Amino acid sequence: MASRTSNELNQLADEGSLLVARANDATTQSEYIIGMCYVMEGEEPEGGRRWEFGGVCVSDEFRGYGIGSALGVLAISSHYLYEPPQKGERLIAHVHKDNSLPWHMLKVQLGFVQVGQETPPSEVVPPGLRRNSKGEVVGDLYEFRISTLGRFADWLETFDGRVEGRNGYLTTNLNLRFFQAYRATAIQALRQLAFSSEAG
């Protein structure tokens, strides 16, 4: 997924677009960030609004517990609850063509499908990304299938803060606006969005 600068991440946090997972430090009785991701507004190459899911990162010691996938489910669900899909708009993810790590999470766990490749203009590419011989950063382009929101609703219905992955179980704190106060309403709305996308 495309890298962002610390200024861009701070701006996403200020806008409420950055979702973080936290763990408790038993020694200091404080919380610290162990993972994050975002959904941010973007633009199609030919013009028109689209949304981008990205920035998924999890601290090394907490990888393999399903935190990245949980963050993805929660961030995408929150996005669609606050920004219902508009005609012609889509939620996409970019993955550097040489980076195979996110493929499984995007395709299997989060319901994205690969729809092609995209080369963003060089002026918007964060520094440090590997470039090809032409100086371009070529990325695989994935598009979210809204029908997946039904599966997300099922997961949210039983989510209690505990995540599971190949390394076992872990309890984490995820800062979610919609989830605490409006869980049942949010789940119902996600199911309706999924049903409408399949019917239409």
N, C-alpha and C. Protein backbone atom coordinates (compact mmCIF):
# COMPACT_ATOMS: atom_id res chain seq x y z
N MET A 1 0.85 -1.16 0.00
CA MET A 1 0.00 0.00 0.00
C MET A 1 0.90 1.23 0.00
N ALA A 2 0.39 2.28 -0.57
CA ALA A 2 1.23 3.47 -0.75
C ALA A 2 1.66 4.04 0.59
N SER A 3 2.93 4.42 0.68
CA SER A 3 3.46 5.04 1.89
C SER A 3 2.98 6.48 1.98
N ARG A 4 2.84 6.97 3.18
CA ARG A 4 2.46 8.36 3.42
C ARG A 4 3.49 8.99 4.34
N THR A 5 3.66 10.29 4.20
CA THR A 5 4.59 11.00 5.07
C THR A 5 3.95 11.18 6.45
N SER A 6 4.78 11.54 7.44
CA SER A 6 4.23 11.76 8.78
C SER A 6 3.25 12.94 8.77
N ASN A 7 3.50 13.97 7.95
CA ASN A 7 2.56 15.09 7.84
C ASN A 7 1.21 14.62 7.30
N GLU A 8 1.25 13.76 6.26
CA GLU A 8 0.00 13.24 5.70
C GLU A 8 -0.74 12.39 6.73
N LEU A 9 -0.03 11.56 7.48
CA LEU A 9 -0.67 10.74 8.51
C LEU A 9 -1.26 11.61 9.62
N ASN A 10 -0.56 12.66 10.01
CA ASN A 10 -1.11 13.58 11.02
C ASN A 10 -2.38 14.24 10.51
N GLN A 11 -2.39 14.62 9.24
CA GLN A 11 -3.59 15.23 8.66
C GLN A 11 -4.75 14.23 8.64
N LEU A 12 -4.47 12.98 8.27
CA LEU A 12 -5.51 11.95 8.27
C LEU A 12 -6.04 11.74 9.68
N ALA A 13 -5.15 11.77 10.67
CA ALA A 13 -5.59 11.62 12.06
C ALA A 13 -6.48 12.78 12.46
N ASP A 14 -6.10 14.00 12.09
CA ASP A 14 -6.90 15.19 12.42
C ASP A 14 -8.28 15.11 11.78
N GLU A 15 -8.37 14.53 10.58
CA GLU A 15 -9.64 14.41 9.86
C GLU A 15 -10.48 13.24 10.34
N GLY A 16 -9.93 12.40 11.21
CA GLY A 16 -10.65 11.22 11.68
C GLY A 16 -10.61 10.08 10.68
N SER A 17 -9.67 10.12 9.72
CA SER A 17 -9.59 9.09 8.69
C SER A 17 -8.59 7.99 9.02
N LEU A 18 -7.84 8.16 10.08
CA LEU A 18 -6.81 7.21 10.46
C LEU A 18 -7.33 6.36 11.61
N LEU A 19 -7.32 5.05 11.44
CA LEU A 19 -7.78 4.13 12.48
C LEU A 19 -6.56 3.47 13.09
N VAL A 20 -6.49 3.44 14.41
CA VAL A 20 -5.34 2.83 15.08
C VAL A 20 -5.79 1.73 16.03
N ALA A 21 -4.89 0.75 16.22
CA ALA A 21 -5.07 -0.30 17.23
C ALA A 21 -4.07 -0.02 18.33
N ARG A 22 -4.49 -0.21 19.55
CA ARG A 22 -3.63 0.05 20.70
C ARG A 22 -3.54 -1.18 21.60
N ALA A 23 -2.43 -1.30 22.28
CA ALA A 23 -2.26 -2.34 23.30
C ALA A 23 -1.91 -1.65 24.61
N ASN A 24 -2.14 -2.36 25.70
CA ASN A 24 -1.85 -1.82 27.03
C ASN A 24 -0.48 -2.28 27.50
N ASP A 25 0.28 -1.35 28.06
CA ASP A 25 1.55 -1.67 28.68
C ASP A 25 1.28 -1.86 30.17
N ALA A 26 1.38 -3.10 30.63
CA ALA A 26 1.04 -3.42 32.03
C ALA A 26 1.97 -2.72 33.01
N THR A 27 3.20 -2.47 32.60
CA THR A 27 4.17 -1.84 33.49
C THR A 27 3.84 -0.38 33.74
N THR A 28 3.55 0.36 32.67
CA THR A 28 3.31 1.80 32.79
C THR A 28 1.82 2.15 32.86
N GLN A 29 0.97 1.15 32.69
CA GLN A 29 -0.48 1.37 32.68
C GLN A 29 -0.89 2.37 31.60
N SER A 30 -0.20 2.35 30.47
CA SER A 30 -0.52 3.26 29.37
C SER A 30 -0.76 2.45 28.09
N GLU A 31 -1.36 3.10 27.13
CA GLU A 31 -1.61 2.48 25.83
C GLU A 31 -0.59 2.97 24.82
N TYR A 32 -0.29 2.14 23.85
CA TYR A 32 0.59 2.54 22.76
C TYR A 32 0.07 1.95 21.46
N ILE A 33 0.37 2.62 20.37
CA ILE A 33 -0.14 2.22 19.06
C ILE A 33 0.64 1.02 18.55
N ILE A 34 -0.12 0.00 18.08
CA ILE A 34 0.50 -1.20 17.53
C ILE A 34 0.16 -1.41 16.06
N GLY A 35 -0.77 -0.62 15.53
CA GLY A 35 -1.13 -0.76 14.12
C GLY A 35 -2.03 0.38 13.68
N MET A 36 -2.09 0.57 12.36
CA MET A 36 -2.95 1.63 11.83
C MET A 36 -3.26 1.38 10.36
N CYS A 37 -4.27 2.09 9.87
CA CYS A 37 -4.62 2.14 8.46
C CYS A 37 -5.51 3.35 8.24
N TYR A 38 -5.80 3.65 6.99
CA TYR A 38 -6.67 4.79 6.70
C TYR A 38 -7.55 4.51 5.49
N VAL A 39 -8.61 5.30 5.38
CA VAL A 39 -9.39 5.46 4.15
C VAL A 39 -9.42 6.95 3.90
N MET A 40 -8.91 7.36 2.73
CA MET A 40 -8.84 8.79 2.43
C MET A 40 -9.42 9.08 1.05
N GLU A 41 -9.86 10.32 0.88
CA GLU A 41 -10.40 10.75 -0.39
C GLU A 41 -9.28 10.93 -1.40
N GLY A 42 -9.55 10.53 -2.63
CA GLY A 42 -8.58 10.68 -3.71
C GLY A 42 -9.29 11.05 -5.00
N GLU A 43 -8.57 10.91 -6.08
CA GLU A 43 -9.13 11.29 -7.38
C GLU A 43 -8.75 10.27 -8.43
N GLU A 44 -9.70 9.93 -9.28
CA GLU A 44 -9.44 9.05 -10.41
C GLU A 44 -8.48 9.75 -11.37
N PRO A 45 -7.64 9.00 -12.08
CA PRO A 45 -6.71 9.64 -13.03
C PRO A 45 -7.41 10.51 -14.07
N GLU A 46 -8.61 10.11 -14.48
CA GLU A 46 -9.34 10.89 -15.48
C GLU A 46 -10.29 11.90 -14.85
N GLY A 47 -10.20 12.06 -13.55
CA GLY A 47 -11.07 13.00 -12.84
C GLY A 47 -12.21 12.27 -12.14
N GLY A 48 -12.76 12.87 -11.14
CA GLY A 48 -13.83 12.25 -10.36
C GLY A 48 -13.27 11.70 -9.06
N ARG A 49 -14.12 11.71 -8.05
CA ARG A 49 -13.70 11.30 -6.72
C ARG A 49 -13.64 9.79 -6.59
N ARG A 50 -12.67 9.32 -5.84
CA ARG A 50 -12.60 7.93 -5.40
C ARG A 50 -12.00 7.92 -4.00
N TRP A 51 -12.01 6.77 -3.37
CA TRP A 51 -11.48 6.62 -2.02
C TRP A 51 -10.36 5.60 -2.04
N GLU A 52 -9.39 5.79 -1.16
CA GLU A 52 -8.24 4.88 -1.11
C GLU A 52 -8.08 4.29 0.28
N PHE A 53 -7.98 2.98 0.34
CA PHE A 53 -7.66 2.26 1.57
C PHE A 53 -6.17 1.98 1.56
N GLY A 54 -5.48 2.26 2.65
CA GLY A 54 -4.04 2.00 2.67
C GLY A 54 -3.43 2.27 4.02
N GLY A 55 -2.09 2.38 3.99
CA GLY A 55 -1.35 2.69 5.20
C GLY A 55 -1.35 1.59 6.23
N VAL A 56 -1.67 0.36 5.83
CA VAL A 56 -1.75 -0.72 6.80
C VAL A 56 -0.36 -1.04 7.31
N CYS A 57 -0.18 -0.88 8.60
CA CYS A 57 1.08 -1.30 9.21
C CYS A 57 0.81 -1.76 10.63
N VAL A 58 1.53 -2.79 11.03
CA VAL A 58 1.41 -3.38 12.36
C VAL A 58 2.82 -3.57 12.90
N SER A 59 3.02 -3.23 14.16
CA SER A 59 4.32 -3.43 14.80
C SER A 59 4.76 -4.88 14.65
N ASP A 60 6.06 -5.08 14.45
CA ASP A 60 6.60 -6.42 14.21
C ASP A 60 6.15 -7.43 15.25
N GLU A 61 6.20 -7.07 16.52
CA GLU A 61 5.89 -8.03 17.57
C GLU A 61 4.41 -8.42 17.61
N PHE A 62 3.55 -7.65 16.90
CA PHE A 62 2.12 -7.94 16.92
C PHE A 62 1.61 -8.47 15.57
N ARG A 63 2.51 -8.77 14.67
CA ARG A 63 2.09 -9.35 13.39
C ARG A 63 1.68 -10.80 13.58
N GLY A 64 0.76 -11.24 12.72
CA GLY A 64 0.31 -12.63 12.78
C GLY A 64 -0.87 -12.85 13.71
N TYR A 65 -1.46 -11.78 14.23
CA TYR A 65 -2.62 -11.90 15.11
C TYR A 65 -3.91 -11.41 14.45
N GLY A 66 -3.85 -11.03 13.19
CA GLY A 66 -5.05 -10.56 12.50
C GLY A 66 -5.37 -9.10 12.72
N ILE A 67 -4.43 -8.33 13.24
CA ILE A 67 -4.69 -6.92 13.53
C ILE A 67 -4.89 -6.12 12.24
N GLY A 68 -4.06 -6.36 11.24
CA GLY A 68 -4.21 -5.64 9.96
C GLY A 68 -5.56 -5.87 9.34
N SER A 69 -6.01 -7.12 9.34
CA SER A 69 -7.32 -7.43 8.76
C SER A 69 -8.45 -6.79 9.57
N ALA A 70 -8.34 -6.85 10.90
CA ALA A 70 -9.37 -6.24 11.75
C ALA A 70 -9.43 -4.74 11.52
N LEU A 71 -8.27 -4.10 11.44
CA LEU A 71 -8.25 -2.67 11.14
C LEU A 71 -8.92 -2.39 9.79
N GLY A 72 -8.62 -3.22 8.79
CA GLY A 72 -9.22 -3.04 7.47
C GLY A 72 -10.74 -3.15 7.51
N VAL A 73 -11.25 -4.19 8.18
CA VAL A 73 -12.71 -4.37 8.28
C VAL A 73 -13.34 -3.16 8.95
N LEU A 74 -12.75 -2.71 10.03
CA LEU A 74 -13.32 -1.60 10.78
C LEU A 74 -13.21 -0.27 10.03
N ALA A 75 -12.07 -0.02 9.40
CA ALA A 75 -11.90 1.23 8.66
C ALA A 75 -12.83 1.30 7.46
N ILE A 76 -12.93 0.21 6.71
CA ILE A 76 -13.79 0.19 5.52
C ILE A 76 -15.26 0.27 5.93
N SER A 77 -15.63 -0.46 6.97
CA SER A 77 -17.02 -0.39 7.46
C SER A 77 -17.37 1.02 7.89
N SER A 78 -16.49 1.63 8.68
CA SER A 78 -16.72 3.00 9.14
C SER A 78 -16.85 3.95 7.96
N HIS A 79 -15.97 3.79 6.98
CA HIS A 79 -16.03 4.64 5.79
C HIS A 79 -17.40 4.57 5.12
N TYR A 80 -17.89 3.36 4.87
CA TYR A 80 -19.17 3.23 4.16
C TYR A 80 -20.36 3.67 5.00
N LEU A 81 -20.23 3.63 6.32
CA LEU A 81 -21.31 4.13 7.16
C LEU A 81 -21.38 5.65 7.13
N TYR A 82 -20.23 6.30 7.02
CA TYR A 82 -20.20 7.77 6.99
C TYR A 82 -20.22 8.34 5.58
N GLU A 83 -19.81 7.56 4.60
CA GLU A 83 -19.79 8.01 3.20
C GLU A 83 -20.44 6.93 2.34
N PRO A 84 -21.77 6.82 2.37
CA PRO A 84 -22.42 5.79 1.55
C PRO A 84 -21.99 5.91 0.09
N PRO A 85 -21.88 4.78 -0.61
CA PRO A 85 -21.36 4.81 -1.98
C PRO A 85 -22.20 5.68 -2.90
N GLN A 86 -21.51 6.47 -3.70
CA GLN A 86 -22.15 7.30 -4.71
C GLN A 86 -21.88 6.68 -6.08
N LYS A 87 -22.77 6.92 -7.00
CA LYS A 87 -22.63 6.35 -8.34
C LYS A 87 -21.27 6.74 -8.95
N GLY A 88 -20.57 5.74 -9.42
CA GLY A 88 -19.30 5.97 -10.08
C GLY A 88 -18.09 6.06 -9.16
N GLU A 89 -18.33 6.14 -7.84
CA GLU A 89 -17.21 6.21 -6.91
C GLU A 89 -16.82 4.80 -6.48
N ARG A 90 -15.54 4.62 -6.23
CA ARG A 90 -15.07 3.32 -5.77
C ARG A 90 -14.01 3.49 -4.70
N LEU A 91 -13.82 2.42 -3.95
CA LEU A 91 -12.77 2.34 -2.95
C LEU A 91 -11.68 1.45 -3.53
N ILE A 92 -10.46 1.99 -3.59
CA ILE A 92 -9.35 1.25 -4.21
C ILE A 92 -8.21 1.08 -3.20
N ALA A 93 -7.29 0.22 -3.56
CA ALA A 93 -6.03 0.07 -2.83
C ALA A 93 -4.93 -0.09 -3.86
N HIS A 94 -3.80 0.53 -3.59
CA HIS A 94 -2.60 0.38 -4.43
C HIS A 94 -1.62 -0.52 -3.70
N VAL A 95 -0.98 -1.40 -4.43
CA VAL A 95 0.10 -2.20 -3.86
C VAL A 95 1.24 -2.18 -4.86
N HIS A 96 2.43 -1.83 -4.38
CA HIS A 96 3.60 -1.84 -5.26
C HIS A 96 3.68 -3.20 -5.93
N LYS A 97 3.95 -3.22 -7.22
CA LYS A 97 3.88 -4.48 -7.98
C LYS A 97 4.85 -5.53 -7.46
N ASP A 98 5.89 -5.13 -6.74
CA ASP A 98 6.85 -6.09 -6.20
C ASP A 98 6.55 -6.49 -4.76
N ASN A 99 5.45 -6.00 -4.21
CA ASN A 99 5.11 -6.27 -2.81
C ASN A 99 3.97 -7.27 -2.74
N SER A 100 4.29 -8.51 -2.42
CA SER A 100 3.25 -9.55 -2.37
C SER A 100 2.61 -9.69 -1.00
N LEU A 101 3.14 -9.02 0.03
CA LEU A 101 2.62 -9.18 1.38
C LEU A 101 1.13 -8.87 1.53
N PRO A 102 0.62 -7.75 0.99
CA PRO A 102 -0.79 -7.42 1.24
C PRO A 102 -1.80 -8.19 0.39
N TRP A 103 -1.36 -8.95 -0.60
CA TRP A 103 -2.31 -9.58 -1.52
C TRP A 103 -3.34 -10.44 -0.80
N HIS A 104 -2.88 -11.30 0.09
CA HIS A 104 -3.81 -12.22 0.77
C HIS A 104 -4.82 -11.44 1.60
N MET A 105 -4.35 -10.45 2.36
CA MET A 105 -5.26 -9.67 3.18
C MET A 105 -6.29 -8.95 2.31
N LEU A 106 -5.83 -8.31 1.23
CA LEU A 106 -6.75 -7.56 0.39
C LEU A 106 -7.77 -8.47 -0.29
N LYS A 107 -7.31 -9.54 -0.90
CA LYS A 107 -8.21 -10.39 -1.69
C LYS A 107 -9.07 -11.31 -0.85
N VAL A 108 -8.46 -12.01 0.09
CA VAL A 108 -9.18 -13.05 0.83
C VAL A 108 -9.92 -12.47 2.02
N GLN A 109 -9.26 -11.61 2.79
CA GLN A 109 -9.87 -11.16 4.03
C GLN A 109 -10.70 -9.89 3.88
N LEU A 110 -10.35 -9.04 2.91
CA LEU A 110 -11.05 -7.75 2.82
C LEU A 110 -11.91 -7.58 1.57
N GLY A 111 -11.94 -8.54 0.67
CA GLY A 111 -12.87 -8.48 -0.45
C GLY A 111 -12.50 -7.56 -1.59
N PHE A 112 -11.22 -7.31 -1.78
CA PHE A 112 -10.76 -6.53 -2.93
C PHE A 112 -10.47 -7.48 -4.09
N VAL A 113 -10.61 -6.98 -5.30
CA VAL A 113 -10.21 -7.74 -6.49
C VAL A 113 -9.24 -6.89 -7.30
N GLN A 114 -8.25 -7.55 -7.89
CA GLN A 114 -7.30 -6.81 -8.70
C GLN A 114 -7.95 -6.44 -10.02
N VAL A 115 -7.85 -5.15 -10.38
CA VAL A 115 -8.50 -4.65 -11.59
C VAL A 115 -7.51 -4.08 -12.60
N GLY A 116 -6.22 -4.17 -12.31
CA GLY A 116 -5.23 -3.67 -13.25
C GLY A 116 -4.02 -3.11 -12.53
N GLN A 117 -3.31 -2.25 -13.23
CA GLN A 117 -2.16 -1.57 -12.67
C GLN A 117 -2.32 -0.07 -12.88
N GLU A 118 -1.63 0.69 -12.05
CA GLU A 118 -1.71 2.14 -12.16
C GLU A 118 -0.35 2.74 -11.80
N THR A 119 0.04 3.76 -12.55
CA THR A 119 1.28 4.47 -12.29
C THR A 119 0.93 5.90 -11.91
N PRO A 120 0.99 6.22 -10.61
CA PRO A 120 0.63 7.58 -10.20
C PRO A 120 1.67 8.60 -10.69
N PRO A 121 1.25 9.86 -10.85
CA PRO A 121 2.20 10.90 -11.24
C PRO A 121 3.35 10.97 -10.23
N SER A 122 4.57 11.18 -10.71
CA SER A 122 5.74 11.14 -9.83
C SER A 122 5.66 12.16 -8.70
N GLU A 123 4.99 13.29 -8.93
CA GLU A 123 4.94 14.33 -7.89
C GLU A 123 4.10 13.92 -6.67
N VAL A 124 3.26 12.89 -6.80
CA VAL A 124 2.46 12.46 -5.65
C VAL A 124 3.00 11.18 -5.02
N VAL A 125 4.06 10.62 -5.57
CA VAL A 125 4.64 9.39 -5.04
C VAL A 125 5.55 9.73 -3.86
N PRO A 126 5.28 9.13 -2.69
CA PRO A 126 6.14 9.40 -1.53
C PRO A 126 7.58 8.97 -1.81
N PRO A 127 8.54 9.68 -1.23
CA PRO A 127 9.95 9.31 -1.45
C PRO A 127 10.25 7.94 -0.86
N GLY A 128 11.24 7.28 -1.43
CA GLY A 128 11.69 6.00 -0.88
C GLY A 128 11.07 4.78 -1.51
N LEU A 129 10.03 4.95 -2.34
CA LEU A 129 9.43 3.78 -2.99
C LEU A 129 10.28 3.37 -4.18
N ARG A 130 10.40 2.07 -4.36
CA ARG A 130 11.20 1.52 -5.46
C ARG A 130 10.58 1.90 -6.80
N ARG A 131 11.42 2.37 -7.71
CA ARG A 131 10.98 2.82 -9.03
C ARG A 131 11.55 1.91 -10.11
N ASN A 132 10.86 1.87 -11.26
CA ASN A 132 11.37 1.07 -12.37
C ASN A 132 12.40 1.88 -13.16
N SER A 133 12.87 1.35 -14.28
CA SER A 133 13.93 2.00 -15.05
C SER A 133 13.50 3.35 -15.63
N LYS A 134 12.18 3.58 -15.72
CA LYS A 134 11.66 4.86 -16.21
C LYS A 134 11.45 5.86 -15.07
N GLY A 135 11.76 5.45 -13.86
CA GLY A 135 11.56 6.32 -12.70
C GLY A 135 10.13 6.30 -12.19
N GLU A 136 9.33 5.33 -12.63
CA GLU A 136 7.92 5.23 -12.23
C GLU A 136 7.75 4.23 -11.09
N VAL A 137 6.71 4.45 -10.31
CA VAL A 137 6.30 3.49 -9.29
C VAL A 137 5.01 2.84 -9.80
N VAL A 138 5.14 1.61 -10.25
CA VAL A 138 3.98 0.90 -10.80
C VAL A 138 3.32 0.11 -9.68
N GLY A 139 2.03 0.27 -9.56
CA GLY A 139 1.30 -0.43 -8.51
C GLY A 139 0.15 -1.25 -9.07
N ASP A 140 -0.10 -2.40 -8.42
CA ASP A 140 -1.30 -3.16 -8.73
C ASP A 140 -2.47 -2.42 -8.11
N LEU A 141 -3.56 -2.34 -8.86
CA LEU A 141 -4.74 -1.61 -8.42
C LEU A 141 -5.83 -2.60 -8.04
N TYR A 142 -6.36 -2.46 -6.84
CA TYR A 142 -7.41 -3.32 -6.32
C TYR A 142 -8.66 -2.49 -6.08
N GLU A 143 -9.81 -3.10 -6.28
CA GLU A 143 -11.09 -2.42 -6.04
C GLU A 143 -11.91 -3.23 -5.05
N PHE A 144 -12.51 -2.53 -4.08
CA PHE A 144 -13.32 -3.17 -3.05
C PHE A 144 -14.69 -3.53 -3.60
N ARG A 145 -15.16 -4.71 -3.28
CA ARG A 145 -16.50 -5.15 -3.65
C ARG A 145 -17.45 -4.89 -2.48
N ILE A 146 -18.41 -4.02 -2.69
CA ILE A 146 -19.31 -3.59 -1.61
C ILE A 146 -20.10 -4.76 -1.03
N SER A 147 -20.32 -5.80 -1.82
CA SER A 147 -21.05 -6.96 -1.31
C SER A 147 -20.33 -7.61 -0.12
N THR A 148 -19.04 -7.36 0.03
CA THR A 148 -18.26 -7.90 1.15
C THR A 148 -18.72 -7.31 2.49
N LEU A 149 -19.42 -6.18 2.46
CA LEU A 149 -19.87 -5.57 3.71
C LEU A 149 -20.79 -6.49 4.51
N GLY A 150 -21.48 -7.41 3.83
CA GLY A 150 -22.31 -8.39 4.55
C GLY A 150 -21.47 -9.28 5.44
N ARG A 151 -20.34 -9.73 4.92
CA ARG A 151 -19.40 -10.55 5.71
C ARG A 151 -18.80 -9.73 6.84
N PHE A 152 -18.51 -8.45 6.56
CA PHE A 152 -17.99 -7.57 7.61
C PHE A 152 -19.01 -7.43 8.74
N ALA A 153 -20.28 -7.29 8.38
CA ALA A 153 -21.33 -7.16 9.40
C ALA A 153 -21.38 -8.39 10.29
N ASP A 154 -21.24 -9.58 9.70
CA ASP A 154 -21.23 -10.81 10.50
C ASP A 154 -20.06 -10.80 11.49
N TRP A 155 -18.90 -10.35 11.02
CA TRP A 155 -17.71 -10.30 11.88
C TRP A 155 -17.92 -9.28 13.01
N LEU A 156 -18.46 -8.12 12.66
CA LEU A 156 -18.68 -7.07 13.65
C LEU A 156 -19.68 -7.49 14.73
N GLU A 157 -20.61 -8.34 14.34
CA GLU A 157 -21.64 -8.77 15.28
C GLU A 157 -21.05 -9.52 16.47
N THR A 158 -19.95 -10.22 16.25
CA THR A 158 -19.34 -11.00 17.32
C THR A 158 -18.02 -10.41 17.82
N PHE A 159 -17.58 -9.31 17.23
CA PHE A 159 -16.29 -8.73 17.60
C PHE A 159 -16.33 -8.17 19.02
N ASP A 160 -15.38 -8.60 19.84
CA ASP A 160 -15.33 -8.15 21.24
C ASP A 160 -13.97 -7.53 21.59
N GLY A 161 -13.22 -7.13 20.58
CA GLY A 161 -11.91 -6.55 20.82
C GLY A 161 -10.79 -7.56 20.68
N ARG A 162 -11.15 -8.84 20.57
CA ARG A 162 -10.14 -9.88 20.44
C ARG A 162 -9.97 -10.24 18.97
N VAL A 163 -8.74 -10.30 18.53
CA VAL A 163 -8.44 -10.67 17.15
C VAL A 163 -7.67 -11.97 17.15
N GLU A 164 -7.73 -12.65 15.99
CA GLU A 164 -7.08 -13.95 15.89
C GLU A 164 -6.35 -14.05 14.57
N GLY A 165 -5.17 -14.63 14.61
CA GLY A 165 -4.38 -14.85 13.41
C GLY A 165 -3.54 -16.10 13.58
N ARG A 166 -2.59 -16.28 12.69
CA ARG A 166 -1.77 -17.49 12.71
C ARG A 166 -0.95 -17.63 14.00
N ASN A 167 -0.72 -16.53 14.71
CA ASN A 167 0.05 -16.57 15.95
C ASN A 167 -0.81 -16.68 17.20
N GLY A 168 -2.12 -16.75 17.03
CA GLY A 168 -3.00 -16.92 18.18
C GLY A 168 -3.95 -15.75 18.37
N TYR A 169 -4.39 -15.57 19.63
CA TYR A 169 -5.35 -14.53 19.98
C TYR A 169 -4.65 -13.34 20.63
N LEU A 170 -5.29 -12.18 20.50
CA LEU A 170 -4.79 -10.97 21.12
C LEU A 170 -5.96 -10.03 21.33
N THR A 171 -6.00 -9.36 22.48
CA THR A 171 -7.02 -8.35 22.72
C THR A 171 -6.41 -6.98 22.48
N THR A 172 -7.12 -6.16 21.72
CA THR A 172 -6.62 -4.84 21.37
C THR A 172 -7.72 -3.81 21.53
N ASN A 173 -7.34 -2.56 21.58
CA ASN A 173 -8.28 -1.46 21.68
C ASN A 173 -8.30 -0.73 20.34
N LEU A 174 -9.45 -0.71 19.69
CA LEU A 174 -9.60 -0.04 18.40
C LEU A 174 -10.53 1.14 18.58
N ASN A 175 -10.06 2.34 18.22
CA ASN A 175 -10.88 3.55 18.43
C ASN A 175 -11.90 3.68 17.31
N LEU A 176 -13.14 3.37 17.61
CA LEU A 176 -14.18 3.41 16.60
C LEU A 176 -15.34 4.27 17.06
N ARG A 177 -15.70 5.23 16.22
CA ARG A 177 -16.80 6.13 16.57
C ARG A 177 -18.14 5.40 16.49
N PHE A 178 -18.39 4.75 15.37
CA PHE A 178 -19.73 4.17 15.16
C PHE A 178 -19.97 2.94 16.00
N PHE A 179 -18.90 2.24 16.36
CA PHE A 179 -19.06 0.90 16.89
C PHE A 179 -19.59 0.89 18.31
N GLN A 180 -19.11 1.81 19.14
CA GLN A 180 -19.48 1.74 20.55
C GLN A 180 -20.95 2.08 20.79
N ALA A 181 -21.43 3.13 20.19
CA ALA A 181 -22.79 3.59 20.50
C ALA A 181 -23.85 3.01 19.57
N TYR A 182 -23.48 2.64 18.35
CA TYR A 182 -24.49 2.29 17.36
C TYR A 182 -24.22 0.95 16.70
N ARG A 183 -23.77 0.00 17.46
CA ARG A 183 -23.37 -1.29 16.90
C ARG A 183 -24.47 -1.95 16.08
N ALA A 184 -25.64 -2.14 16.65
CA ALA A 184 -26.72 -2.84 15.94
C ALA A 184 -27.15 -2.08 14.69
N THR A 185 -27.25 -0.76 14.79
CA THR A 185 -27.63 0.07 13.64
C THR A 185 -26.58 -0.01 12.55
N ALA A 186 -25.30 0.02 12.95
CA ALA A 186 -24.20 -0.05 11.98
C ALA A 186 -24.21 -1.38 11.25
N ILE A 187 -24.40 -2.46 11.97
CA ILE A 187 -24.42 -3.79 11.37
C ILE A 187 -25.57 -3.91 10.37
N GLN A 188 -26.75 -3.41 10.76
CA GLN A 188 -27.90 -3.44 9.86
C GLN A 188 -27.65 -2.61 8.60
N ALA A 189 -27.05 -1.45 8.76
CA ALA A 189 -26.77 -0.58 7.61
C ALA A 189 -25.76 -1.23 6.66
N LEU A 190 -24.74 -1.89 7.20
CA LEU A 190 -23.75 -2.57 6.36
C LEU A 190 -24.40 -3.70 5.56
N ARG A 191 -25.28 -4.44 6.21
CA ARG A 191 -25.98 -5.54 5.50
C ARG A 191 -26.86 -4.98 4.39
N GLN A 192 -27.51 -3.85 4.63
CA GLN A 192 -28.35 -3.24 3.61
C GLN A 192 -27.50 -2.77 2.43
N LEU A 193 -26.35 -2.16 2.70
CA LEU A 193 -25.46 -1.73 1.61
C LEU A 193 -25.00 -2.93 0.78
N ALA A 194 -24.65 -4.02 1.46
CA ALA A 194 -24.20 -5.24 0.74
C ALA A 194 -25.34 -5.78 -0.12
N PHE A 195 -26.55 -5.85 0.45
CA PHE A 195 -27.70 -6.36 -0.30
C PHE A 195 -28.00 -5.48 -1.51
N SER A 196 -27.97 -4.17 -1.31
CA SER A 196 -28.26 -3.25 -2.40
C SER A 196 -27.25 -3.38 -3.54
N SER A 197 -25.98 -3.61 -3.19
CA SER A 197 -24.96 -3.75 -4.23
C SER A 197 -25.16 -5.03 -5.03
N GLU A 198 -25.64 -6.09 -4.38
CA GLU A 198 -25.88 -7.34 -5.09
C GLU A 198 -27.14 -7.26 -5.95
N ALA A 199 -28.14 -6.52 -5.44
CA ALA A 199 -29.40 -6.39 -6.17
C ALA A 199 -29.28 -5.46 -7.36
N GLY A 200 -28.42 -4.43 -7.22
CA GLY A 200 -28.32 -3.43 -8.27
C GLY A 200 -27.27 -3.77 -9.26
